[in-house]
C-alpha atoms as a PDB file:
ATOM      1  CA  MET A   1       8.044  -7.204  26.065  1.00  0.00           C
ATOM      2  CA  ASP A   2       8.339 -10.975  26.449  1.00  0.00           C
ATOM      3  CA  ASP A   3       4.568 -11.276  26.526  1.00  0.00           C
ATOM      4  CA  VAL A   4       3.821  -9.416  23.291  1.00  0.00           C
ATOM      5  CA  VAL A   5       2.385 -12.510  21.653  1.00  0.00           C
ATOM      6  CA  ASP A   6       0.185 -13.120  24.693  1.00  0.00           C
ATOM      7  CA  LEU A   7      -0.841  -9.458  24.818  1.00  0.00           C
ATOM      8  CA  LEU A   8      -1.792  -9.447  21.158  1.00  0.00           C
ATOM      9  CA  GLY A   9      -4.182 -12.322  21.735  1.00  0.00           C
ATOM     10  CA  ARG A  10      -6.204 -13.432  18.715  1.00  0.00           C
ATOM     11  CA  TRP A  11      -5.582 -10.285  16.691  1.00  0.00           C
ATOM     12  CA  ALA A  12      -5.721 -12.168  13.366  1.00  0.00           C
ATOM     13  CA  SER A  13      -9.192 -13.616  13.947  1.00  0.00           C
ATOM     14  CA  GLY A  14     -10.977 -10.474  12.776  1.00  0.00           C
ATOM     15  CA  ARG A  15     -11.998  -9.489   9.272  1.00  0.00           C
ATOM     16  CA  GLY A  16      -9.821  -7.434   7.002  1.00  0.00           C
ATOM     17  CA  PRO A  17      -6.184  -7.208   5.995  1.00  0.00           C
ATOM     18  CA  LEU A  18      -3.838  -8.717   8.586  1.00  0.00           C
ATOM     19  CA  CYS A  19      -1.617  -5.629   8.564  1.00  0.00           C
ATOM     20  CA  LEU A  20      -4.565  -3.467   9.630  1.00  0.00           C
ATOM     21  CA  LEU A  21      -5.719  -5.948  12.271  1.00  0.00           C
ATOM     22  CA  LEU A  22      -2.224  -6.061  13.787  1.00  0.00           C
ATOM     23  CA  THR A  23      -1.867  -2.278  13.663  1.00  0.00           C
ATOM     24  CA  THR A  24      -5.235  -1.823  15.340  1.00  0.00           C
ATOM     25  CA  ARG A  25      -4.363  -4.248  18.146  1.00  0.00           C
ATOM     26  CA  LEU A  26      -0.933  -2.695  18.732  1.00  0.00           C
ATOM     27  CA  ARG A  27      -2.479   0.788  18.803  1.00  0.00           C
ATOM     28  CA  ALA A  28      -5.026  -0.377  21.384  1.00  0.00           C
ATOM     29  CA  LEU A  29      -2.256  -1.816  23.585  1.00  0.00           C
ATOM     30  CA  ILE A  30      -0.334   1.468  23.349  1.00  0.00           C
ATOM     31  CA  ASP A  31      -3.438   3.608  23.983  1.00  0.00           C
ATOM     32  CA  ASP A  32      -4.299   1.487  27.032  1.00  0.00           C
ATOM     33  CA  GLY A  33      -0.791   2.013  28.428  1.00  0.00           C
ATOM     34  CA  ILE A  34       0.108  -1.668  28.206  1.00  0.00           C
ATOM     35  CA  LEU A  35       2.872  -1.144  25.620  1.00  0.00           C
ATOM     36  CA  PRO A  36       4.884   2.060  25.991  1.00  0.00           C
ATOM     37  CA  PRO A  37       5.121   4.194  22.846  1.00  0.00           C
ATOM     38  CA  GLY A  38       8.507   3.882  21.175  1.00  0.00           C
ATOM     39  CA  GLU A  39       9.188   0.427  22.615  1.00  0.00           C
ATOM     40  CA  PRO A  40      11.185  -1.557  20.054  1.00  0.00           C
ATOM     41  CA  PRO A  41       9.542  -4.703  18.721  1.00  0.00           C
ATOM     42  CA  PRO A  42      10.942  -8.082  19.665  1.00  0.00           C
ATOM     43  CA  PRO A  43      13.580  -9.494  17.310  1.00  0.00           C
ATOM     44  CA  PRO A  44      12.165 -11.522  14.424  1.00  0.00           C
ATOM     45  CA  ARG A  45      12.048 -15.256  14.834  1.00  0.00           C
ATOM     46  CA  PRO A  46      13.706 -17.419  12.230  1.00  0.00           C
ATOM     47  CA  ALA A  47      11.248 -18.884   9.768  1.00  0.00           C
ATOM     48  CA  ARG A  48      10.388 -22.483  10.468  1.00  0.00           C
ATOM     49  CA  LEU A  49       9.857 -24.735   7.511  1.00  0.00           C
ATOM     50  CA  PRO A  50       7.944 -27.978   7.688  1.00  0.00           C
ATOM     51  CA  ALA A  51      10.288 -30.962   7.819  1.00  0.00           C
ATOM     52  CA  HIS A  52       9.494 -32.003   4.252  1.00  0.00           C
ATOM     53  CA  ALA A  53      10.212 -28.490   2.932  1.00  0.00           C
ATOM     54  CA  ALA A  54      13.631 -28.406   4.562  1.00  0.00           C
ATOM     55  CA  ARG A  55      14.844 -31.314   2.423  1.00  0.00           C
ATOM     56  CA  LEU A  56      15.689 -30.216  -1.064  1.00  0.00           C
ATOM     57  CA  PRO A  57      15.497 -32.700  -3.909  1.00  0.00           C
ATOM     58  CA  SER A  58      18.767 -33.747  -5.454  1.00  0.00           C
ATOM     59  CA  ALA A  59      19.712 -32.153  -8.766  1.00  0.00           C
ATOM     60  CA  GLU A  60      20.995 -35.562  -9.870  1.00  0.00           C
ATOM     61  CA  SER A  61      17.765 -37.260 -10.890  1.00  0.00           C
END
């Protein structure tokens, strides 16, 4: 399951809601036997903020 991102490819480059595009791609990978049904998804990655967003302004202005 380490290659899920690679297997998904450019799933978001289509037209339509992202949730449907992702669901369609995952279903295709399962139907093709690449991802076994019932396989748990990889753990979520921590959100990465841009460097400027990580610095909060001081309340003492």
